[in-house]
N, C-alpha and C. Protein backbone atom coordinates (compact mmCIF):
# COMPACT_ATOMS: atom_id res chain seq x y z
N MET A 1 -70.05 113.12 -28.44
CA MET A 1 -69.07 113.96 -28.56
C MET A 1 -69.70 113.87 -26.48
N VAL A 2 -70.75 114.54 -26.42
CA VAL A 2 -70.94 114.54 -25.39
C VAL A 2 -71.22 113.66 -23.59
N GLU A 3 -71.79 112.30 -24.68
CA GLU A 3 -71.77 111.30 -23.98
C GLU A 3 -70.54 111.14 -23.11
N ASN A 4 -69.90 110.65 -24.97
CA ASN A 4 -67.78 110.38 -24.21
C ASN A 4 -67.54 111.90 -23.14
N GLU A 5 -67.47 112.62 -22.99
CA GLU A 5 -67.70 113.03 -21.78
C GLU A 5 -68.20 112.59 -20.26
N LEU A 6 -69.52 112.48 -20.45
CA LEU A 6 -70.68 111.58 -19.14
C LEU A 6 -70.03 111.21 -18.52
N GLU A 7 -69.54 110.03 -19.88
CA GLU A 7 -69.01 108.78 -18.66
C GLU A 7 -67.89 109.25 -18.03
N PHE A 8 -66.87 109.81 -18.90
CA PHE A 8 -65.44 109.91 -17.66
C PHE A 8 -65.94 110.95 -16.70
N LEU A 9 -67.19 111.58 -16.78
CA LEU A 9 -67.56 112.86 -15.12
C LEU A 9 -68.69 112.07 -14.66
N PHE A 10 -68.91 110.17 -15.09
CA PHE A 10 -69.40 108.95 -13.81
C PHE A 10 -68.41 108.48 -13.88
N ALA A 11 -67.69 108.60 -14.65
CA ALA A 11 -66.07 107.44 -13.70
C ALA A 11 -65.51 108.16 -12.72
N GLY A 12 -65.36 109.88 -12.47
CA GLY A 12 -63.95 110.84 -11.93
C GLY A 12 -64.88 110.81 -10.79
N PHE A 13 -66.08 110.81 -10.83
CA PHE A 13 -67.58 110.54 -9.19
C PHE A 13 -67.44 109.39 -8.98
N ALA A 14 -66.99 107.95 -9.92
CA ALA A 14 -67.20 106.81 -9.13
C ALA A 14 -65.73 106.44 -8.00
N VAL A 15 -65.10 107.09 -8.64
CA VAL A 15 -63.56 106.84 -8.18
C VAL A 15 -63.20 107.89 -6.96
N PHE A 16 -63.58 108.93 -7.82
CA PHE A 16 -63.72 109.70 -6.14
C PHE A 16 -65.01 108.96 -5.26
N TRP A 17 -66.39 108.49 -5.13
CA TRP A 17 -67.31 107.97 -4.01
C TRP A 17 -66.29 106.63 -3.91
N ALA A 18 -66.30 106.14 -4.23
CA ALA A 18 -64.75 104.99 -4.13
C ALA A 18 -63.37 105.37 -3.04
N GLY A 19 -62.99 105.85 -3.50
CA GLY A 19 -62.04 106.74 -2.56
C GLY A 19 -62.65 107.60 -0.86
N ILE A 20 -63.85 107.75 -1.29
CA ILE A 20 -64.03 108.58 -0.11
C ILE A 20 -64.60 106.86 0.44
N PHE A 21 -64.85 105.97 -0.19
CA PHE A 21 -65.50 104.48 1.09
C PHE A 21 -64.93 104.06 1.59
N VAL A 22 -63.29 103.95 0.95
CA VAL A 22 -62.55 103.83 1.03
C VAL A 22 -62.06 104.12 2.71
N TYR A 23 -62.13 105.50 1.81
CA TYR A 23 -61.00 105.28 3.34
C TYR A 23 -61.94 105.90 4.91
N LEU A 24 -63.12 105.68 4.62
CA LEU A 24 -64.09 105.50 6.28
C LEU A 24 -64.14 104.77 6.87
N LEU A 25 -63.65 102.85 5.53
CA LEU A 25 -63.29 101.52 6.03
C LEU A 25 -62.04 101.72 6.67
N ILE A 26 -61.33 102.73 6.84
CA ILE A 26 -60.26 102.67 7.26
C ILE A 26 -59.70 103.45 8.29
N LEU A 27 -60.76 104.52 8.82
CA LEU A 27 -61.15 105.34 9.70
C LEU A 27 -61.96 104.91 10.56
N GLN A 28 -62.56 103.73 10.01
CA GLN A 28 -63.51 103.19 10.96
C GLN A 28 -62.60 101.85 11.79
N ALA A 29 -61.71 100.98 10.70
CA ALA A 29 -60.51 100.24 11.68
C ALA A 29 -59.53 100.93 12.56
N ARG A 30 -58.92 102.01 12.21
CA ARG A 30 -58.41 102.79 13.42
C ARG A 30 -59.58 102.86 14.38
N LEU A 31 -60.34 103.03 14.85
CA LEU A 31 -61.20 103.97 15.22
C LEU A 31 -61.83 102.82 15.99
N ARG A 32 -61.81 101.76 15.48
CA ARG A 32 -61.57 100.25 16.95
C ARG A 32 -60.70 100.16 17.15
N GLU A 33 -59.64 99.73 16.84
CA GLU A 33 -58.11 99.73 17.19
C GLU A 33 -57.89 100.43 18.18
N LEU A 34 -58.68 101.58 18.21
CA LEU A 34 -58.06 102.60 19.41
C LEU A 34 -58.80 102.72 20.86
N GLN A 35 -60.56 102.20 20.19
CA GLN A 35 -61.22 101.67 21.03
C GLN A 35 -60.75 100.48 22.15
N ARG A 36 -59.89 99.89 20.95
CA ARG A 36 -59.43 98.09 22.12
C ARG A 36 -58.78 98.51 22.95
N GLU A 37 -57.45 99.41 22.65
CA GLU A 37 -56.44 100.00 23.19
C GLU A 37 -56.79 100.46 24.57
N LEU A 38 -57.69 101.93 24.15
CA LEU A 38 -58.26 102.02 24.91
C LEU A 38 -58.92 101.27 26.33
N GLU A 39 -59.56 100.70 26.62
CA GLU A 39 -60.75 99.79 26.91
C GLU A 39 -59.17 98.60 28.07
N GLN A 40 -58.15 98.25 27.20
CA GLN A 40 -57.10 98.03 27.75
C GLN A 40 -56.46 98.27 28.50
N LEU A 41 -56.36 99.87 28.26
CA LEU A 41 -55.38 100.35 29.58
C LEU A 41 -56.54 101.34 30.16
N GLU A 42 -57.45 101.29 30.40
CA GLU A 42 -58.64 101.31 31.71
C GLU A 42 -58.31 99.87 32.34
N GLU A 43 -58.72 99.33 31.69
CA GLU A 43 -58.48 97.15 32.37
C GLU A 43 -57.03 97.59 33.55
N ARG A 44 -55.97 98.27 32.92
CA ARG A 44 -54.99 98.53 33.52
C ARG A 44 -54.76 99.59 33.88
N LEU A 45 -55.47 100.55 34.26
CA LEU A 45 -55.52 101.18 35.25
C LEU A 45 -56.41 100.79 36.56
N GLU A 46 -57.05 100.11 36.41
CA GLU A 46 -57.79 100.23 37.78
C GLU A 46 -57.15 98.99 38.33
N GLU A 47 -56.45 97.91 37.39
CA GLU A 47 -56.15 96.75 38.11
C GLU A 47 -54.57 97.54 39.23
N ALA A 48 -54.10 98.79 38.68
CA ALA A 48 -52.49 99.53 39.44
C ALA A 48 -53.85 100.31 40.08
N ASN A 49 -54.53 100.76 40.43
CA ASN A 49 -55.51 101.75 41.23
C ASN A 49 -55.72 100.51 42.24
N ALA A 50 -56.14 99.28 42.16
CA ALA A 50 -56.47 98.31 42.81
C ALA A 50 -55.49 97.63 43.87
N ALA A 51 -54.53 97.52 43.27
CA ALA A 51 -53.44 97.05 43.85
C ALA A 51 -51.84 98.26 44.60
N ALA A 52 -52.72 99.76 44.13
CA ALA A 52 -52.31 100.56 45.25
C ALA A 52 -52.72 100.82 46.34
N SER A 53 -54.01 99.96 46.64
CA SER A 53 -55.18 100.49 47.56
C SER A 53 -55.02 99.14 48.47
N GLU A 54 -54.09 98.01 48.14
CA GLU A 54 -53.82 97.44 48.80
C GLU A 54 -52.66 97.40 50.39
N PRO A 55 -52.36 98.05 50.22
CA PRO A 55 -50.64 98.46 51.42
C PRO A 55 -52.00 98.86 52.32
N SER A 56 -51.37 98.83 53.96
CA SER A 56 -52.16 99.60 54.68
C SER A 56 -51.52 100.93 54.58
N ALA A 57 -52.80 100.96 56.09
CA ALA A 57 -53.48 103.13 55.87
C ALA A 57 -51.43 103.78 56.15
N SER A 58 -51.59 102.89 57.32
CA SER A 58 -50.18 103.02 57.66
C SER A 58 -48.85 103.29 56.45
N ALA A 59 -48.06 102.70 56.12
CA ALA A 59 -47.52 102.81 54.62
C ALA A 59 -47.51 103.42 54.53
N SER A 60 -48.29 104.46 53.69
CA SER A 60 -49.55 105.72 53.19
C SER A 60 -48.81 106.28 54.20
N GLY A 61 -49.13 106.45 55.38
CA GLY A 61 -49.19 107.20 56.23
C GLY A 61 -47.08 108.31 56.29
N ASP A 62 -46.70 106.88 56.25
CA ASP A 62 -45.45 107.58 56.70
C ASP A 62 -45.02 107.98 55.34
N ARG A 63 -45.13 107.72 54.39
CA ARG A 63 -45.22 108.33 53.12
C ARG A 63 -45.46 109.72 53.82
N THR A 64 -46.26 109.93 53.51
CA THR A 64 -46.50 111.53 53.86
C THR A 64 -45.48 112.09 54.91
N MET A 65 -45.54 111.69 55.84
CA MET A 65 -44.48 111.92 57.07
C MET A 65 -43.14 112.72 56.30
N THR A 66 -43.13 111.69 55.46
CA THR A 66 -41.66 111.65 55.30
C THR A 66 -41.27 112.94 53.90
N THR A 67 -42.91 113.10 53.47
CA THR A 67 -42.60 114.52 52.59
C THR A 67 -42.81 115.22 53.27
N GLY A 68 -44.01 115.52 54.33
CA GLY A 68 -43.52 116.72 55.34
C GLY A 68 -42.55 117.08 55.55
N SER A 69 -41.41 116.21 56.67
CA SER A 69 -40.58 116.59 56.96
C SER A 69 -39.34 117.66 55.50
N SER A 70 -39.62 116.33 54.76
CA SER A 70 -38.53 117.44 54.07
C SER A 70 -38.92 118.87 52.87
N ALA A 71 -40.09 118.73 53.01
CA ALA A 71 -40.65 119.94 53.08
C ALA A 71 -40.12 121.17 54.44
N GLU A 72 -40.24 120.98 55.31
CA GLU A 72 -39.82 121.76 56.89
C GLU A 72 -38.87 121.70 55.99
N GLN A 73 -37.59 121.10 55.89
CA GLN A 73 -36.24 120.77 55.74
C GLN A 73 -36.49 121.80 55.22
N ARG A 74 -36.54 122.17 53.49
CA ARG A 74 -37.31 123.48 52.72
C ARG A 74 -36.44 124.27 52.99
N GLU A 75 -37.81 124.52 54.26
CA GLU A 75 -37.95 125.93 54.56
C GLU A 75 -37.03 126.23 55.43
N THR A 76 -36.53 125.50 56.03
CA THR A 76 -35.74 125.86 57.22
C THR A 76 -34.44 126.70 56.47
N PRO A 77 -33.70 125.93 55.94
CA PRO A 77 -32.77 126.84 55.37
C PRO A 77 -32.34 128.54 54.62
N ASP A 78 -34.26 128.54 54.30
CA ASP A 78 -34.09 129.70 53.18
C ASP A 78 -34.31 130.68 55.38
N ALA A 79 -35.06 130.26 56.03
CA ALA A 79 -35.76 131.02 57.26
C ALA A 79 -34.50 131.78 57.92
N THR A 80 -32.59 131.30 58.01
CA THR A 80 -32.45 131.02 58.36
C THR A 80 -31.16 132.65 57.57
N SER A 81 -30.83 131.72 55.80
CA SER A 81 -30.55 132.51 55.26
C SER A 81 -31.71 134.44 55.12
N GLU A 82 -32.75 133.86 55.37
CA GLU A 82 -33.39 135.27 55.40
C GLU A 82 -32.88 136.99 56.53
N ALA A 83 -32.77 134.93 57.67
CA ALA A 83 -32.32 135.66 59.52
C ALA A 83 -30.79 136.61 59.33
N GLY A 84 -29.68 135.81 58.59
CA GLY A 84 -28.44 136.57 58.41
C GLY A 84 -28.07 138.07 57.44
N ALA A 85 -29.46 137.87 56.55
CA ALA A 85 -29.58 139.09 54.87
C ALA A 85 -29.87 140.23 56.25
N GLY A 86 -30.90 140.27 56.72
CA GLY A 86 -31.44 141.09 58.04
C GLY A 86 -30.19 142.34 57.73
N PRO A 87 -31.16 143.13 58.80
CA PRO A 87 -29.61 144.18 59.21
C PRO A 87 -29.66 144.04 60.73
């Protein structure tokens, strides 16, 4: 009777450890896939940064000036409305 119970206990432990082993193999496969995807994304980011740095400095300066003027335009109506609302 005790031998039969020990066989079931051993079988249960064997199934448990086999399940853990399979789970670890699946995690390892996912980790490899994520590492490959991360490397591809890093390569794409480097390519995008290289492409973004190729245009001339004057073109990027024009964008900065445009952004600055629109910021000034946004400030002007606020100052006018506050001046009109005063005593």
